[in-house]
């Protein structure tokens, strides 16, 4: 997470969106 740059600051928000994508899949 540290190595992903800006993702470090928004990953907890993004995982919720990725869960939605995983549901769609």
PDBML (XML) file of the C-alpha atoms, coordinates in Angstrom:
<?xml version="1.0" encoding="UTF-8" ?>
<PDBx:datablock datablockName="MODEL"
   xmlns:PDBx="http://pdbml.pdb.org/schema/pdbx-v50.xsd"
   xmlns:xsi="http://www.w3.org/2001/XMLSchema-instance"
   xsi:schemaLocation="http://pdbml.pdb.org/schema/pdbx-v50.xsd pdbx-v50.xsd">
   <PDBx:atom_siteCategory>
      <PDBx:atom_site id="1">
         <PDBx:B_iso_or_equiv>0.00</PDBx:B_iso_or_equiv>
         <PDBx:Cartn_x>0.000</PDBx:Cartn_x>
         <PDBx:Cartn_y>0.000</PDBx:Cartn_y>
         <PDBx:Cartn_z>0.000</PDBx:Cartn_z>
         <PDBx:auth_asym_id>A</PDBx:auth_asym_id>
         <PDBx:auth_atom_id>CA</PDBx:auth_atom_id>
         <PDBx:auth_comp_id>UNK</PDBx:auth_comp_id>
         <PDBx:auth_seq_id>1</PDBx:auth_seq_id>
         <PDBx:group_PDB>ATOM</PDBx:group_PDB>
         <PDBx:label_alt_id xsi:nil="true" />
         <PDBx:label_asym_id>A</PDBx:label_asym_id>
         <PDBx:label_atom_id>CA</PDBx:label_atom_id>
         <PDBx:label_comp_id>UNK</PDBx:label_comp_id>
         <PDBx:label_entity_id>1</PDBx:label_entity_id>
         <PDBx:label_seq_id>1</PDBx:label_seq_id>
         <PDBx:occupancy>1.00</PDBx:occupancy>
         <PDBx:pdbx_PDB_model_num>1</PDBx:pdbx_PDB_model_num>
         <PDBx:type_symbol>C</PDBx:type_symbol>
      </PDBx:atom_site>
      <PDBx:atom_site id="2">
         <PDBx:B_iso_or_equiv>0.00</PDBx:B_iso_or_equiv>
         <PDBx:Cartn_x>2.827</PDBx:Cartn_x>
         <PDBx:Cartn_y>2.397</PDBx:Cartn_y>
         <PDBx:Cartn_z>0.827</PDBx:Cartn_z>
         <PDBx:auth_asym_id>A</PDBx:auth_asym_id>
         <PDBx:auth_atom_id>CA</PDBx:auth_atom_id>
         <PDBx:auth_comp_id>UNK</PDBx:auth_comp_id>
         <PDBx:auth_seq_id>2</PDBx:auth_seq_id>
         <PDBx:group_PDB>ATOM</PDBx:group_PDB>
         <PDBx:label_alt_id xsi:nil="true" />
         <PDBx:label_asym_id>A</PDBx:label_asym_id>
         <PDBx:label_atom_id>CA</PDBx:label_atom_id>
         <PDBx:label_comp_id>UNK</PDBx:label_comp_id>
         <PDBx:label_entity_id>1</PDBx:label_entity_id>
         <PDBx:label_seq_id>2</PDBx:label_seq_id>
         <PDBx:occupancy>1.00</PDBx:occupancy>
         <PDBx:pdbx_PDB_model_num>1</PDBx:pdbx_PDB_model_num>
         <PDBx:type_symbol>C</PDBx:type_symbol>
      </PDBx:atom_site>
      <PDBx:atom_site id="3">
         <PDBx:B_iso_or_equiv>0.00</PDBx:B_iso_or_equiv>
         <PDBx:Cartn_x>4.401</PDBx:Cartn_x>
         <PDBx:Cartn_y>1.651</PDBx:Cartn_y>
         <PDBx:Cartn_z>-2.544</PDBx:Cartn_z>
         <PDBx:auth_asym_id>A</PDBx:auth_asym_id>
         <PDBx:auth_atom_id>CA</PDBx:auth_atom_id>
         <PDBx:auth_comp_id>UNK</PDBx:auth_comp_id>
         <PDBx:auth_seq_id>3</PDBx:auth_seq_id>
         <PDBx:group_PDB>ATOM</PDBx:group_PDB>
         <PDBx:label_alt_id xsi:nil="true" />
         <PDBx:label_asym_id>A</PDBx:label_asym_id>
         <PDBx:label_atom_id>CA</PDBx:label_atom_id>
         <PDBx:label_comp_id>UNK</PDBx:label_comp_id>
         <PDBx:label_entity_id>1</PDBx:label_entity_id>
         <PDBx:label_seq_id>3</PDBx:label_seq_id>
         <PDBx:occupancy>1.00</PDBx:occupancy>
         <PDBx:pdbx_PDB_model_num>1</PDBx:pdbx_PDB_model_num>
         <PDBx:type_symbol>C</PDBx:type_symbol>
      </PDBx:atom_site>
      <PDBx:atom_site id="4">
         <PDBx:B_iso_or_equiv>0.00</PDBx:B_iso_or_equiv>
         <PDBx:Cartn_x>1.240</PDBx:Cartn_x>
         <PDBx:Cartn_y>2.430</PDBx:Cartn_y>
         <PDBx:Cartn_z>-4.550</PDBx:Cartn_z>
         <PDBx:auth_asym_id>A</PDBx:auth_asym_id>
         <PDBx:auth_atom_id>CA</PDBx:auth_atom_id>
         <PDBx:auth_comp_id>UNK</PDBx:auth_comp_id>
         <PDBx:auth_seq_id>4</PDBx:auth_seq_id>
         <PDBx:group_PDB>ATOM</PDBx:group_PDB>
         <PDBx:label_alt_id xsi:nil="true" />
         <PDBx:label_asym_id>A</PDBx:label_asym_id>
         <PDBx:label_atom_id>CA</PDBx:label_atom_id>
         <PDBx:label_comp_id>UNK</PDBx:label_comp_id>
         <PDBx:label_entity_id>1</PDBx:label_entity_id>
         <PDBx:label_seq_id>4</PDBx:label_seq_id>
         <PDBx:occupancy>1.00</PDBx:occupancy>
         <PDBx:pdbx_PDB_model_num>1</PDBx:pdbx_PDB_model_num>
         <PDBx:type_symbol>C</PDBx:type_symbol>
      </PDBx:atom_site>
      <PDBx:atom_site id="5">
         <PDBx:B_iso_or_equiv>0.00</PDBx:B_iso_or_equiv>
         <PDBx:Cartn_x>1.615</PDBx:Cartn_x>
         <PDBx:Cartn_y>6.176</PDBx:Cartn_y>
         <PDBx:Cartn_z>-4.122</PDBx:Cartn_z>
         <PDBx:auth_asym_id>A</PDBx:auth_asym_id>
         <PDBx:auth_atom_id>CA</PDBx:auth_atom_id>
         <PDBx:auth_comp_id>UNK</PDBx:auth_comp_id>
         <PDBx:auth_seq_id>5</PDBx:auth_seq_id>
         <PDBx:group_PDB>ATOM</PDBx:group_PDB>
         <PDBx:label_alt_id xsi:nil="true" />
         <PDBx:label_asym_id>A</PDBx:label_asym_id>
         <PDBx:label_atom_id>CA</PDBx:label_atom_id>
         <PDBx:label_comp_id>UNK</PDBx:label_comp_id>
         <PDBx:label_entity_id>1</PDBx:label_entity_id>
         <PDBx:label_seq_id>5</PDBx:label_seq_id>
         <PDBx:occupancy>1.00</PDBx:occupancy>
         <PDBx:pdbx_PDB_model_num>1</PDBx:pdbx_PDB_model_num>
         <PDBx:type_symbol>C</PDBx:type_symbol>
      </PDBx:atom_site>
      <PDBx:atom_site id="6">
         <PDBx:B_iso_or_equiv>0.00</PDBx:B_iso_or_equiv>
         <PDBx:Cartn_x>-1.669</PDBx:Cartn_x>
         <PDBx:Cartn_y>8.029</PDBx:Cartn_y>
         <PDBx:Cartn_z>-3.840</PDBx:Cartn_z>
         <PDBx:auth_asym_id>A</PDBx:auth_asym_id>
         <PDBx:auth_atom_id>CA</PDBx:auth_atom_id>
         <PDBx:auth_comp_id>UNK</PDBx:auth_comp_id>
         <PDBx:auth_seq_id>6</PDBx:auth_seq_id>
         <PDBx:group_PDB>ATOM</PDBx:group_PDB>
         <PDBx:label_alt_id xsi:nil="true" />
         <PDBx:label_asym_id>A</PDBx:label_asym_id>
         <PDBx:label_atom_id>CA</PDBx:label_atom_id>
         <PDBx:label_comp_id>UNK</PDBx:label_comp_id>
         <PDBx:label_entity_id>1</PDBx:label_entity_id>
         <PDBx:label_seq_id>6</PDBx:label_seq_id>
         <PDBx:occupancy>1.00</PDBx:occupancy>
         <PDBx:pdbx_PDB_model_num>1</PDBx:pdbx_PDB_model_num>
         <PDBx:type_symbol>C</PDBx:type_symbol>
      </PDBx:atom_site>
      <PDBx:atom_site id="7">
         <PDBx:B_iso_or_equiv>0.00</PDBx:B_iso_or_equiv>
         <PDBx:Cartn_x>-3.623</PDBx:Cartn_x>
         <PDBx:Cartn_y>4.773</PDBx:Cartn_y>
         <PDBx:Cartn_z>-3.412</PDBx:Cartn_z>
         <PDBx:auth_asym_id>A</PDBx:auth_asym_id>
         <PDBx:auth_atom_id>CA</PDBx:auth_atom_id>
         <PDBx:auth_comp_id>UNK</PDBx:auth_comp_id>
         <PDBx:auth_seq_id>7</PDBx:auth_seq_id>
         <PDBx:group_PDB>ATOM</PDBx:group_PDB>
         <PDBx:label_alt_id xsi:nil="true" />
         <PDBx:label_asym_id>A</PDBx:label_asym_id>
         <PDBx:label_atom_id>CA</PDBx:label_atom_id>
         <PDBx:label_comp_id>UNK</PDBx:label_comp_id>
         <PDBx:label_entity_id>1</PDBx:label_entity_id>
         <PDBx:label_seq_id>7</PDBx:label_seq_id>
         <PDBx:occupancy>1.00</PDBx:occupancy>
         <PDBx:pdbx_PDB_model_num>1</PDBx:pdbx_PDB_model_num>
         <PDBx:type_symbol>C</PDBx:type_symbol>
      </PDBx:atom_site>
      <PDBx:atom_site id="8">
         <PDBx:B_iso_or_equiv>0.00</PDBx:B_iso_or_equiv>
         <PDBx:Cartn_x>-2.248</PDBx:Cartn_x>
         <PDBx:Cartn_y>4.646</PDBx:Cartn_y>
         <PDBx:Cartn_z>0.119</PDBx:Cartn_z>
         <PDBx:auth_asym_id>A</PDBx:auth_asym_id>
         <PDBx:auth_atom_id>CA</PDBx:auth_atom_id>
         <PDBx:auth_comp_id>UNK</PDBx:auth_comp_id>
         <PDBx:auth_seq_id>8</PDBx:auth_seq_id>
         <PDBx:group_PDB>ATOM</PDBx:group_PDB>
         <PDBx:label_alt_id xsi:nil="true" />
         <PDBx:label_asym_id>A</PDBx:label_asym_id>
         <PDBx:label_atom_id>CA</PDBx:label_atom_id>
         <PDBx:label_comp_id>UNK</PDBx:label_comp_id>
         <PDBx:label_entity_id>1</PDBx:label_entity_id>
         <PDBx:label_seq_id>8</PDBx:label_seq_id>
         <PDBx:occupancy>1.00</PDBx:occupancy>
         <PDBx:pdbx_PDB_model_num>1</PDBx:pdbx_PDB_model_num>
         <PDBx:type_symbol>C</PDBx:type_symbol>
      </PDBx:atom_site>
      <PDBx:atom_site id="9">
         <PDBx:B_iso_or_equiv>0.00</PDBx:B_iso_or_equiv>
         <PDBx:Cartn_x>-4.470</PDBx:Cartn_x>
         <PDBx:Cartn_y>7.596</PDBx:Cartn_y>
         <PDBx:Cartn_z>0.997</PDBx:Cartn_z>
         <PDBx:auth_asym_id>A</PDBx:auth_asym_id>
         <PDBx:auth_atom_id>CA</PDBx:auth_atom_id>
         <PDBx:auth_comp_id>UNK</PDBx:auth_comp_id>
         <PDBx:auth_seq_id>9</PDBx:auth_seq_id>
         <PDBx:group_PDB>ATOM</PDBx:group_PDB>
         <PDBx:label_alt_id xsi:nil="true" />
         <PDBx:label_asym_id>A</PDBx:label_asym_id>
         <PDBx:label_atom_id>CA</PDBx:label_atom_id>
         <PDBx:label_comp_id>UNK</PDBx:label_comp_id>
         <PDBx:label_entity_id>1</PDBx:label_entity_id>
         <PDBx:label_seq_id>9</PDBx:label_seq_id>
         <PDBx:occupancy>1.00</PDBx:occupancy>
         <PDBx:pdbx_PDB_model_num>1</PDBx:pdbx_PDB_model_num>
         <PDBx:type_symbol>C</PDBx:type_symbol>
      </PDBx:atom_site>
      <PDBx:atom_site id="10">
         <PDBx:B_iso_or_equiv>0.00</PDBx:B_iso_or_equiv>
         <PDBx:Cartn_x>-7.663</PDBx:Cartn_x>
         <PDBx:Cartn_y>6.253</PDBx:Cartn_y>
         <PDBx:Cartn_z>-0.558</PDBx:Cartn_z>
         <PDBx:auth_asym_id>A</PDBx:auth_asym_id>
         <PDBx:auth_atom_id>CA</PDBx:auth_atom_id>
         <PDBx:auth_comp_id>UNK</PDBx:auth_comp_id>
         <PDBx:auth_seq_id>10</PDBx:auth_seq_id>
         <PDBx:group_PDB>ATOM</PDBx:group_PDB>
         <PDBx:label_alt_id xsi:nil="true" />
         <PDBx:label_asym_id>A</PDBx:label_asym_id>
         <PDBx:label_atom_id>CA</PDBx:label_atom_id>
         <PDBx:label_comp_id>UNK</PDBx:label_comp_id>
         <PDBx:label_entity_id>1</PDBx:label_entity_id>
         <PDBx:label_seq_id>10</PDBx:label_seq_id>
         <PDBx:occupancy>1.00</PDBx:occupancy>
         <PDBx:pdbx_PDB_model_num>1</PDBx:pdbx_PDB_model_num>
         <PDBx:type_symbol>C</PDBx:type_symbol>
      </PDBx:atom_site>
      <PDBx:atom_site id="11">
         <PDBx:B_iso_or_equiv>0.00</PDBx:B_iso_or_equiv>
         <PDBx:Cartn_x>-7.454</PDBx:Cartn_x>
         <PDBx:Cartn_y>2.452</PDBx:Cartn_y>
         <PDBx:Cartn_z>-0.433</PDBx:Cartn_z>
         <PDBx:auth_asym_id>A</PDBx:auth_asym_id>
         <PDBx:auth_atom_id>CA</PDBx:auth_atom_id>
         <PDBx:auth_comp_id>UNK</PDBx:auth_comp_id>
         <PDBx:auth_seq_id>11</PDBx:auth_seq_id>
         <PDBx:group_PDB>ATOM</PDBx:group_PDB>
         <PDBx:label_alt_id xsi:nil="true" />
         <PDBx:label_asym_id>A</PDBx:label_asym_id>
         <PDBx:label_atom_id>CA</PDBx:label_atom_id>
         <PDBx:label_comp_id>UNK</PDBx:label_comp_id>
         <PDBx:label_entity_id>1</PDBx:label_entity_id>
         <PDBx:label_seq_id>11</PDBx:label_seq_id>
         <PDBx:occupancy>1.00</PDBx:occupancy>
         <PDBx:pdbx_PDB_model_num>1</PDBx:pdbx_PDB_model_num>
         <PDBx:type_symbol>C</PDBx:type_symbol>
      </PDBx:atom_site>
      <PDBx:atom_site id="12">
         <PDBx:B_iso_or_equiv>0.00</PDBx:B_iso_or_equiv>
         <PDBx:Cartn_x>-10.121</PDBx:Cartn_x>
         <PDBx:Cartn_y>2.006</PDBx:Cartn_y>
         <PDBx:Cartn_z>2.262</PDBx:Cartn_z>
         <PDBx:auth_asym_id>A</PDBx:auth_asym_id>
         <PDBx:auth_atom_id>CA</PDBx:auth_atom_id>
         <PDBx:auth_comp_id>UNK</PDBx:auth_comp_id>
         <PDBx:auth_seq_id>12</PDBx:auth_seq_id>
         <PDBx:group_PDB>ATOM</PDBx:group_PDB>
         <PDBx:label_alt_id xsi:nil="true" />
         <PDBx:label_asym_id>A</PDBx:label_asym_id>
         <PDBx:label_atom_id>CA</PDBx:label_atom_id>
         <PDBx:label_comp_id>UNK</PDBx:label_comp_id>
         <PDBx:label_entity_id>1</PDBx:label_entity_id>
         <PDBx:label_seq_id>12</PDBx:label_seq_id>
         <PDBx:occupancy>1.00</PDBx:occupancy>
         <PDBx:pdbx_PDB_model_num>1</PDBx:pdbx_PDB_model_num>
         <PDBx:type_symbol>C</PDBx:type_symbol>
      </PDBx:atom_site>
      <PDBx:atom_site id="13">
         <PDBx:B_iso_or_equiv>0.00</PDBx:B_iso_or_equiv>
         <PDBx:Cartn_x>-12.588</PDBx:Cartn_x>
         <PDBx:Cartn_y>3.946</PDBx:Cartn_y>
         <PDBx:Cartn_z>0.135</PDBx:Cartn_z>
         <PDBx:auth_asym_id>A</PDBx:auth_asym_id>
         <PDBx:auth_atom_id>CA</PDBx:auth_atom_id>
         <PDBx:auth_comp_id>UNK</PDBx:auth_comp_id>
         <PDBx:auth_seq_id>13</PDBx:auth_seq_id>
         <PDBx:group_PDB>ATOM</PDBx:group_PDB>
         <PDBx:label_alt_id xsi:nil="true" />
         <PDBx:label_asym_id>A</PDBx:label_asym_id>
         <PDBx:label_atom_id>CA</PDBx:label_atom_id>
         <PDBx:label_comp_id>UNK</PDBx:label_comp_id>
         <PDBx:label_entity_id>1</PDBx:label_entity_id>
         <PDBx:label_seq_id>13</PDBx:label_seq_id>
         <PDBx:occupancy>1.00</PDBx:occupancy>
         <PDBx:pdbx_PDB_model_num>1</PDBx:pdbx_PDB_model_num>
         <PDBx:type_symbol>C</PDBx:type_symbol>
      </PDBx:atom_site>
      <PDBx:atom_site id="14">
         <PDBx:B_iso_or_equiv>0.00</PDBx:B_iso_or_equiv>
         <PDBx:Cartn_x>-11.552</PDBx:Cartn_x>
         <PDBx:Cartn_y>2.113</PDBx:Cartn_y>
         <PDBx:Cartn_z>-3.032</PDBx:Cartn_z>
         <PDBx:auth_asym_id>A</PDBx:auth_asym_id>
         <PDBx:auth_atom_id>CA</PDBx:auth_atom_id>
         <PDBx:auth_comp_id>UNK</PDBx:auth_comp_id>
         <PDBx:auth_seq_id>14</PDBx:auth_seq_id>
         <PDBx:group_PDB>ATOM</PDBx:group_PDB>
         <PDBx:label_alt_id xsi:nil="true" />
         <PDBx:label_asym_id>A</PDBx:label_asym_id>
         <PDBx:label_atom_id>CA</PDBx:label_atom_id>
         <PDBx:label_comp_id>UNK</PDBx:label_comp_id>
         <PDBx:label_entity_id>1</PDBx:label_entity_id>
         <PDBx:label_seq_id>14</PDBx:label_seq_id>
         <PDBx:occupancy>1.00</PDBx:occupancy>
         <PDBx:pdbx_PDB_model_num>1</PDBx:pdbx_PDB_model_num>
         <PDBx:type_symbol>C</PDBx:type_symbol>
      </PDBx:atom_site>
      <PDBx:atom_site id="15">
         <PDBx:B_iso_or_equiv>0.00</PDBx:B_iso_or_equiv>
         <PDBx:Cartn_x>-12.041</PDBx:Cartn_x>
         <PDBx:Cartn_y>-1.373</PDBx:Cartn_y>
         <PDBx:Cartn_z>-1.598</PDBx:Cartn_z>
         <PDBx:auth_asym_id>A</PDBx:auth_asym_id>
         <PDBx:auth_atom_id>CA</PDBx:auth_atom_id>
         <PDBx:auth_comp_id>UNK</PDBx:auth_comp_id>
         <PDBx:auth_seq_id>15</PDBx:auth_seq_id>
         <PDBx:group_PDB>ATOM</PDBx:group_PDB>
         <PDBx:label_alt_id xsi:nil="true" />
         <PDBx:label_asym_id>A</PDBx:label_asym_id>
         <PDBx:label_atom_id>CA</PDBx:label_atom_id>
         <PDBx:label_comp_id>UNK</PDBx:label_comp_id>
         <PDBx:label_entity_id>1</PDBx:label_entity_id>
         <PDBx:label_seq_id>15</PDBx:label_seq_id>
         <PDBx:occupancy>1.00</PDBx:occupancy>
         <PDBx:pdbx_PDB_model_num>1</PDBx:pdbx_PDB_model_num>
         <PDBx:type_symbol>C</PDBx:type_symbol>
      </PDBx:atom_site>
      <PDBx:atom_site id="16">
         <PDBx:B_iso_or_equiv>0.00</PDBx:B_iso_or_equiv>
         <PDBx:Cartn_x>-15.746</PDBx:Cartn_x>
         <PDBx:Cartn_y>-0.658</PDBx:Cartn_y>
         <PDBx:Cartn_z>-1.234</PDBx:Cartn_z>
         <PDBx:auth_asym_id>A</PDBx:auth_asym_id>
         <PDBx:auth_atom_id>CA</PDBx:auth_atom_id>
         <PDBx:auth_comp_id>UNK</PDBx:auth_comp_id>
         <PDBx:auth_seq_id>16</PDBx:auth_seq_id>
         <PDBx:group_PDB>ATOM</PDBx:group_PDB>
         <PDBx:label_alt_id xsi:nil="true" />
         <PDBx:label_asym_id>A</PDBx:label_asym_id>
         <PDBx:label_atom_id>CA</PDBx:label_atom_id>
         <PDBx:label_comp_id>UNK</PDBx:label_comp_id>
         <PDBx:label_entity_id>1</PDBx:label_entity_id>
         <PDBx:label_seq_id>16</PDBx:label_seq_id>
         <PDBx:occupancy>1.00</PDBx:occupancy>
         <PDBx:pdbx_PDB_model_num>1</PDBx:pdbx_PDB_model_num>
         <PDBx:type_symbol>C</PDBx:type_symbol>
      </PDBx:atom_site>
      <PDBx:atom_site id="17">
         <PDBx:B_iso_or_equiv>0.00</PDBx:B_iso_or_equiv>
         <PDBx:Cartn_x>-15.932</PDBx:Cartn_x>
         <PDBx:Cartn_y>0.164</PDBx:Cartn_y>
         <PDBx:Cartn_z>-4.944</PDBx:Cartn_z>
         <PDBx:auth_asym_id>A</PDBx:auth_asym_id>
         <PDBx:auth_atom_id>CA</PDBx:auth_atom_id>
         <PDBx:auth_comp_id>UNK</PDBx:auth_comp_id>
         <PDBx:auth_seq_id>17</PDBx:auth_seq_id>
         <PDBx:group_PDB>ATOM</PDBx:group_PDB>
         <PDBx:label_alt_id xsi:nil="true" />
         <PDBx:label_asym_id>A</PDBx:label_asym_id>
         <PDBx:label_atom_id>CA</PDBx:label_atom_id>
         <PDBx:label_comp_id>UNK</PDBx:label_comp_id>
         <PDBx:label_entity_id>1</PDBx:label_entity_id>
         <PDBx:label_seq_id>17</PDBx:label_seq_id>
         <PDBx:occupancy>1.00</PDBx:occupancy>
         <PDBx:pdbx_PDB_model_num>1</PDBx:pdbx_PDB_model_num>
         <PDBx:type_symbol>C</PDBx:type_symbol>
      </PDBx:atom_site>
      <PDBx:atom_site id="18">
         <PDBx:B_iso_or_equiv>0.00</PDBx:B_iso_or_equiv>
         <PDBx:Cartn_x>-13.919</PDBx:Cartn_x>
         <PDBx:Cartn_y>-2.933</PDBx:Cartn_y>
         <PDBx:Cartn_z>-5.772</PDBx:Cartn_z>
         <PDBx:auth_asym_id>A</PDBx:auth_asym_id>
         <PDBx:auth_atom_id>CA</PDBx:auth_atom_id>
         <PDBx:auth_comp_id>UNK</PDBx:auth_comp_id>
         <PDBx:auth_seq_id>18</PDBx:auth_seq_id>
         <PDBx:group_PDB>ATOM</PDBx:group_PDB>
         <PDBx:label_alt_id xsi:nil="true" />
         <PDBx:label_asym_id>A</PDBx:label_asym_id>
         <PDBx:label_atom_id>CA</PDBx:label_atom_id>
         <PDBx:label_comp_id>UNK</PDBx:label_comp_id>
         <PDBx:label_entity_id>1</PDBx:label_entity_id>
         <PDBx:label_seq_id>18</PDBx:label_seq_id>
         <PDBx:occupancy>1.00</PDBx:occupancy>
         <PDBx:pdbx_PDB_model_num>1</PDBx:pdbx_PDB_model_num>
         <PDBx:type_symbol>C</PDBx:type_symbol>
      </PDBx:atom_site>
      <PDBx:atom_site id="19">
         <PDBx:B_iso_or_equiv>0.00</PDBx:B_iso_or_equiv>
         <PDBx:Cartn_x>-16.370</PDBx:Cartn_x>
         <PDBx:Cartn_y>-5.020</PDBx:Cartn_y>
         <PDBx:Cartn_z>-3.723</PDBx:Cartn_z>
         <PDBx:auth_asym_id>A</PDBx:auth_asym_id>
         <PDBx:auth_atom_id>CA</PDBx:auth_atom_id>
         <PDBx:auth_comp_id>UNK</PDBx:auth_comp_id>
         <PDBx:auth_seq_id>19</PDBx:auth_seq_id>
         <PDBx:group_PDB>ATOM</PDBx:group_PDB>
         <PDBx:label_alt_id xsi:nil="true" />
         <PDBx:label_asym_id>A</PDBx:label_asym_id>
         <PDBx:label_atom_id>CA</PDBx:label_atom_id>
         <PDBx:label_comp_id>UNK</PDBx:label_comp_id>
         <PDBx:label_entity_id>1</PDBx:label_entity_id>
         <PDBx:label_seq_id>19</PDBx:label_seq_id>
         <PDBx:occupancy>1.00</PDBx:occupancy>
         <PDBx:pdbx_PDB_model_num>1</PDBx:pdbx_PDB_model_num>
         <PDBx:type_symbol>C</PDBx:type_symbol>
      </PDBx:atom_site>
      <PDBx:atom_site id="20">
         <PDBx:B_iso_or_equiv>0.00</PDBx:B_iso_or_equiv>
         <PDBx:Cartn_x>-19.159</PDBx:Cartn_x>
         <PDBx:Cartn_y>-3.649</PDBx:Cartn_y>
         <PDBx:Cartn_z>-5.927</PDBx:Cartn_z>
         <PDBx:auth_asym_id>A</PDBx:auth_asym_id>
         <PDBx:auth_atom_id>CA</PDBx:auth_atom_id>
         <PDBx:auth_comp_id>UNK</PDBx:auth_comp_id>
         <PDBx:auth_seq_id>20</PDBx:auth_seq_id>
         <PDBx:group_PDB>ATOM</PDBx:group_PDB>
         <PDBx:label_alt_id xsi:nil="true" />
         <PDBx:label_asym_id>A</PDBx:label_asym_id>
         <PDBx:label_atom_id>CA</PDBx:label_atom_id>
         <PDBx:label_comp_id>UNK</PDBx:label_comp_id>
         <PDBx:label_entity_id>1</PDBx:label_entity_id>
         <PDBx:label_seq_id>20</PDBx:label_seq_id>
         <PDBx:occupancy>1.00</PDBx:occupancy>
         <PDBx:pdbx_PDB_model_num>1</PDBx:pdbx_PDB_model_num>
         <PDBx:type_symbol>C</PDBx:type_symbol>
      </PDBx:atom_site>
      <PDBx:atom_site id="21">
         <PDBx:B_iso_or_equiv>0.00</PDBx:B_iso_or_equiv>
         <PDBx:Cartn_x>-17.166</PDBx:Cartn_x>
         <PDBx:Cartn_y>-4.660</PDBx:Cartn_y>
         <PDBx:Cartn_z>-9.004</PDBx:Cartn_z>
         <PDBx:auth_asym_id>A</PDBx:auth_asym_id>
         <PDBx:auth_atom_id>CA</PDBx:auth_atom_id>
         <PDBx:auth_comp_id>UNK</PDBx:auth_comp_id>
         <PDBx:auth_seq_id>21</PDBx:auth_seq_id>
         <PDBx:group_PDB>ATOM</PDBx:group_PDB>
         <PDBx:label_alt_id xsi:nil="true" />
         <PDBx:label_asym_id>A</PDBx:label_asym_id>
         <PDBx:label_atom_id>CA</PDBx:label_atom_id>
         <PDBx:label_comp_id>UNK</PDBx:label_comp_id>
         <PDBx:label_entity_id>1</PDBx:label_entity_id>
         <PDBx:label_seq_id>21</PDBx:label_seq_id>
         <PDBx:occupancy>1.00</PDBx:occupancy>
         <PDBx:pdbx_PDB_model_num>1</PDBx:pdbx_PDB_model_num>
         <PDBx:type_symbol>C</PDBx:type_symbol>
      </PDBx:atom_site>
      <PDBx:atom_site id="22">
         <PDBx:B_iso_or_equiv>0.00</PDBx:B_iso_or_equiv>
         <PDBx:Cartn_x>-16.575</PDBx:Cartn_x>
         <PDBx:Cartn_y>-8.131</PDBx:Cartn_y>
         <PDBx:Cartn_z>-7.543</PDBx:Cartn_z>
         <PDBx:auth_asym_id>A</PDBx:auth_asym_id>
         <PDBx:auth_atom_id>CA</PDBx:auth_atom_id>
         <PDBx:auth_comp_id>UNK</PDBx:auth_comp_id>
         <PDBx:auth_seq_id>22</PDBx:auth_seq_id>
         <PDBx:group_PDB>ATOM</PDBx:group_PDB>
         <PDBx:label_alt_id xsi:nil="true" />
         <PDBx:label_asym_id>A</PDBx:label_asym_id>
         <PDBx:label_atom_id>CA</PDBx:label_atom_id>
         <PDBx:label_comp_id>UNK</PDBx:label_comp_id>
         <PDBx:label_entity_id>1</PDBx:label_entity_id>
         <PDBx:label_seq_id>22</PDBx:label_seq_id>
         <PDBx:occupancy>1.00</PDBx:occupancy>
         <PDBx:pdbx_PDB_model_num>1</PDBx:pdbx_PDB_model_num>
         <PDBx:type_symbol>C</PDBx:type_symbol>
      </PDBx:atom_site>
      <PDBx:atom_site id="23">
         <PDBx:B_iso_or_equiv>0.00</PDBx:B_iso_or_equiv>
         <PDBx:Cartn_x>-20.329</PDBx:Cartn_x>
         <PDBx:Cartn_y>-8.454</PDBx:Cartn_y>
         <PDBx:Cartn_z>-7.001</PDBx:Cartn_z>
         <PDBx:auth_asym_id>A</PDBx:auth_asym_id>
         <PDBx:auth_atom_id>CA</PDBx:auth_atom_id>
         <PDBx:auth_comp_id>UNK</PDBx:auth_comp_id>
         <PDBx:auth_seq_id>23</PDBx:auth_seq_id>
         <PDBx:group_PDB>ATOM</PDBx:group_PDB>
         <PDBx:label_alt_id xsi:nil="true" />
         <PDBx:label_asym_id>A</PDBx:label_asym_id>
         <PDBx:label_atom_id>CA</PDBx:label_atom_id>
         <PDBx:label_comp_id>UNK</PDBx:label_comp_id>
         <PDBx:label_entity_id>1</PDBx:label_entity_id>
         <PDBx:label_seq_id>23</PDBx:label_seq_id>
         <PDBx:occupancy>1.00</PDBx:occupancy>
         <PDBx:pdbx_PDB_model_num>1</PDBx:pdbx_PDB_model_num>
         <PDBx:type_symbol>C</PDBx:type_symbol>
      </PDBx:atom_site>
      <PDBx:atom_site id="24">
         <PDBx:B_iso_or_equiv>0.00</PDBx:B_iso_or_equiv>
         <PDBx:Cartn_x>-20.994</PDBx:Cartn_x>
         <PDBx:Cartn_y>-7.481</PDBx:Cartn_y>
         <PDBx:Cartn_z>-10.625</PDBx:Cartn_z>
         <PDBx:auth_asym_id>A</PDBx:auth_asym_id>
         <PDBx:auth_atom_id>CA</PDBx:auth_atom_id>
         <PDBx:auth_comp_id>UNK</PDBx:auth_comp_id>
         <PDBx:auth_seq_id>24</PDBx:auth_seq_id>
         <PDBx:group_PDB>ATOM</PDBx:group_PDB>
         <PDBx:label_alt_id xsi:nil="true" />
         <PDBx:label_asym_id>A</PDBx:label_asym_id>
         <PDBx:label_atom_id>CA</PDBx:label_atom_id>
         <PDBx:label_comp_id>UNK</PDBx:label_comp_id>
         <PDBx:label_entity_id>1</PDBx:label_entity_id>
         <PDBx:label_seq_id>24</PDBx:label_seq_id>
         <PDBx:occupancy>1.00</PDBx:occupancy>
         <PDBx:pdbx_PDB_model_num>1</PDBx:pdbx_PDB_model_num>
         <PDBx:type_symbol>C</PDBx:type_symbol>
      </PDBx:atom_site>
      <PDBx:atom_site id="25">
         <PDBx:B_iso_or_equiv>0.00</PDBx:B_iso_or_equiv>
         <PDBx:Cartn_x>-18.516</PDBx:Cartn_x>
         <PDBx:Cartn_y>-10.160</PDBx:Cartn_y>
         <PDBx:Cartn_z>-11.691</PDBx:Cartn_z>
         <PDBx:auth_asym_id>A</PDBx:auth_asym_id>
         <PDBx:auth_atom_id>CA</PDBx:auth_atom_id>
         <PDBx:auth_comp_id>UNK</PDBx:auth_comp_id>
         <PDBx:auth_seq_id>25</PDBx:auth_seq_id>
         <PDBx:group_PDB>ATOM</PDBx:group_PDB>
         <PDBx:label_alt_id xsi:nil="true" />
         <PDBx:label_asym_id>A</PDBx:label_asym_id>
         <PDBx:label_atom_id>CA</PDBx:label_atom_id>
         <PDBx:label_comp_id>UNK</PDBx:label_comp_id>
         <PDBx:label_entity_id>1</PDBx:label_entity_id>
         <PDBx:label_seq_id>25</PDBx:label_seq_id>
         <PDBx:occupancy>1.00</PDBx:occupancy>
         <PDBx:pdbx_PDB_model_num>1</PDBx:pdbx_PDB_model_num>
         <PDBx:type_symbol>C</PDBx:type_symbol>
      </PDBx:atom_site>
   </PDBx:atom_siteCategory>
</PDBx:datablock>
